[in-house]
Amino acid sequence: MPRETAYYAAAQLVLMATALGLGTCFVGWLTEPAARSGEIREALGLAEDDGVQAALALGYPKYKYHHAIGRGVPEVGWR
């Protein structure tokens, strides 16, 4: 299951990038065009038998959010 494994790895990269002060975004629309387009594969430096299973954009965020949205304490009931 290479796609699922790639997404688990990408999720870990998102967490680490956030800890380092970087911003990330999944680029889900890239995987299929990369499989079909020779131009995209060439631009990415992929060999013919390489595949793209997940893609992330990574960079320094333009804006920093200092406060999270306020949320109330959830009410949990056990029956």
C-alpha atoms as a PDB file:
ATOM      1  CA  MET A   1       0.000   0.000   0.000  1.00  0.00           C
ATOM      2  CA  PRO A   2       2.474   2.655  -1.133  1.00  0.00           C
ATOM      3  CA  ARG A   3      -0.009   5.530  -1.224  1.00  0.00           C
ATOM      4  CA  GLU A   4      -1.156   4.970   2.359  1.00  0.00           C
ATOM      5  CA  THR A   5       2.427   4.614   3.564  1.00  0.00           C
ATOM      6  CA  ALA A   6       3.378   7.827   1.771  1.00  0.00           C
ATOM      7  CA  TYR A   7       0.496   9.701   3.412  1.00  0.00           C
ATOM      8  CA  TYR A   8       1.540   8.469   6.879  1.00  0.00           C
ATOM      9  CA  ALA A   9       5.089   9.654   6.181  1.00  0.00           C
ATOM     10  CA  ALA A  10       3.816  12.989   4.840  1.00  0.00           C
ATOM     11  CA  ALA A  11       1.684  13.484   7.960  1.00  0.00           C
ATOM     12  CA  GLN A  12       4.804  13.028  10.086  1.00  0.00           C
ATOM     13  CA  LEU A  13       6.614  15.571   7.914  1.00  0.00           C
ATOM     14  CA  VAL A  14       3.764  18.047   8.486  1.00  0.00           C
ATOM     15  CA  LEU A  15       4.104  17.633  12.256  1.00  0.00           C
ATOM     16  CA  MET A  16       7.884  18.070  12.172  1.00  0.00           C
ATOM     17  CA  ALA A  17       7.677  21.052   9.826  1.00  0.00           C
ATOM     18  CA  THR A  18       5.161  22.732  12.137  1.00  0.00           C
ATOM     19  CA  ALA A  19       7.486  22.157  15.098  1.00  0.00           C
ATOM     20  CA  LEU A  20      10.252  23.871  13.100  1.00  0.00           C
ATOM     21  CA  GLY A  21       8.038  26.887  12.320  1.00  0.00           C
ATOM     22  CA  LEU A  22       7.361  25.920   8.700  1.00  0.00           C
ATOM     23  CA  GLY A  23       4.014  25.843   6.939  1.00  0.00           C
ATOM     24  CA  THR A  24       2.780  22.909   4.870  1.00  0.00           C
ATOM     25  CA  CYS A  25      -0.080  21.997   2.594  1.00  0.00           C
ATOM     26  CA  PHE A  26      -0.965  18.680   0.967  1.00  0.00           C
ATOM     27  CA  VAL A  27      -0.985  18.990  -2.828  1.00  0.00           C
ATOM     28  CA  GLY A  28      -3.342  16.139  -3.652  1.00  0.00           C
ATOM     29  CA  TRP A  29      -3.941  17.229  -7.235  1.00  0.00           C
ATOM     30  CA  LEU A  30      -0.298  16.584  -8.182  1.00  0.00           C
ATOM     31  CA  THR A  31      -0.113  12.799  -7.869  1.00  0.00           C
ATOM     32  CA  GLU A  32      -2.261  11.848 -10.851  1.00  0.00           C
ATOM     33  CA  PRO A  33      -0.884  14.435 -13.314  1.00  0.00           C
ATOM     34  CA  ALA A  34       2.651  13.404 -12.305  1.00  0.00           C
ATOM     35  CA  ALA A  35       1.780   9.826 -13.256  1.00  0.00           C
ATOM     36  CA  ARG A  36       0.518  10.875 -16.703  1.00  0.00           C
ATOM     37  CA  SER A  37       2.586  13.865 -17.803  1.00  0.00           C
ATOM     38  CA  GLY A  38       6.119  13.464 -19.095  1.00  0.00           C
ATOM     39  CA  GLU A  39       6.729  17.201 -18.677  1.00  0.00           C
ATOM     40  CA  ILE A  40       5.827  17.106 -14.981  1.00  0.00           C
ATOM     41  CA  ARG A  41       7.900  13.969 -14.423  1.00  0.00           C
ATOM     42  CA  GLU A  42      10.876  15.613 -16.110  1.00  0.00           C
ATOM     43  CA  ALA A  43      10.470  18.816 -14.071  1.00  0.00           C
ATOM     44  CA  LEU A  44      10.423  16.733 -10.873  1.00  0.00           C
ATOM     45  CA  GLY A  45      13.433  14.693 -11.991  1.00  0.00           C
ATOM     46  CA  LEU A  46      11.559  11.383 -11.823  1.00  0.00           C
ATOM     47  CA  ALA A  47      12.712   8.226 -13.533  1.00  0.00           C
ATOM     48  CA  GLU A  48      10.236   6.364 -15.735  1.00  0.00           C
ATOM     49  CA  ASP A  49       9.505   3.745 -13.056  1.00  0.00           C
ATOM     50  CA  ASP A  50       9.207   6.261 -10.152  1.00  0.00           C
ATOM     51  CA  GLY A  51       5.794   7.178  -8.813  1.00  0.00           C
ATOM     52  CA  VAL A  52       4.371  10.108  -6.873  1.00  0.00           C
ATOM     53  CA  GLN A  53       2.250   8.879  -3.989  1.00  0.00           C
ATOM     54  CA  ALA A  54       1.956  12.082  -1.940  1.00  0.00           C
ATOM     55  CA  ALA A  55       3.012  15.700  -2.349  1.00  0.00           C
ATOM     56  CA  LEU A  56       3.505  18.536   0.120  1.00  0.00           C
ATOM     57  CA  ALA A  57       4.138  22.230  -0.315  1.00  0.00           C
ATOM     58  CA  LEU A  58       6.584  23.447   2.316  1.00  0.00           C
ATOM     59  CA  GLY A  59       7.745  26.933   3.205  1.00  0.00           C
ATOM     60  CA  TYR A  60       7.858  29.775   5.651  1.00  0.00           C
ATOM     61  CA  PRO A  61       4.374  31.103   6.469  1.00  0.00           C
ATOM     62  CA  LYS A  62       3.636  34.718   5.631  1.00  0.00           C
ATOM     63  CA  TYR A  63       1.392  35.140   8.687  1.00  0.00           C
ATOM     64  CA  LYS A  64       1.740  33.809  12.210  1.00  0.00           C
ATOM     65  CA  TYR A  65      -1.261  33.047  14.373  1.00  0.00           C
ATOM     66  CA  HIS A  66      -0.529  33.681  18.027  1.00  0.00           C
ATOM     67  CA  HIS A  67      -3.843  32.533  19.452  1.00  0.00           C
ATOM     68  CA  ALA A  68      -5.950  29.497  18.704  1.00  0.00           C
ATOM     69  CA  ILE A  69      -9.705  29.764  18.420  1.00  0.00           C
ATOM     70  CA  GLY A  70     -11.340  29.637  21.825  1.00  0.00           C
ATOM     71  CA  ARG A  71     -13.293  26.481  22.471  1.00  0.00           C
ATOM     72  CA  GLY A  72     -15.425  25.467  25.402  1.00  0.00           C
ATOM     73  CA  VAL A  73     -14.816  22.362  27.445  1.00  0.00           C
ATOM     74  CA  PRO A  74     -16.621  19.458  25.757  1.00  0.00           C
ATOM     75  CA  GLU A  75     -19.355  17.714  27.687  1.00  0.00           C
ATOM     76  CA  VAL A  76     -18.837  13.966  27.764  1.00  0.00           C
ATOM     77  CA  GLY A  77     -21.469  11.645  29.126  1.00  0.00           C
ATOM     78  CA  TRP A  78     -21.044   7.947  29.837  1.00  0.00           C
ATOM     79  CA  ARG A  79     -23.970   5.572  29.854  1.00  0.00           C
END
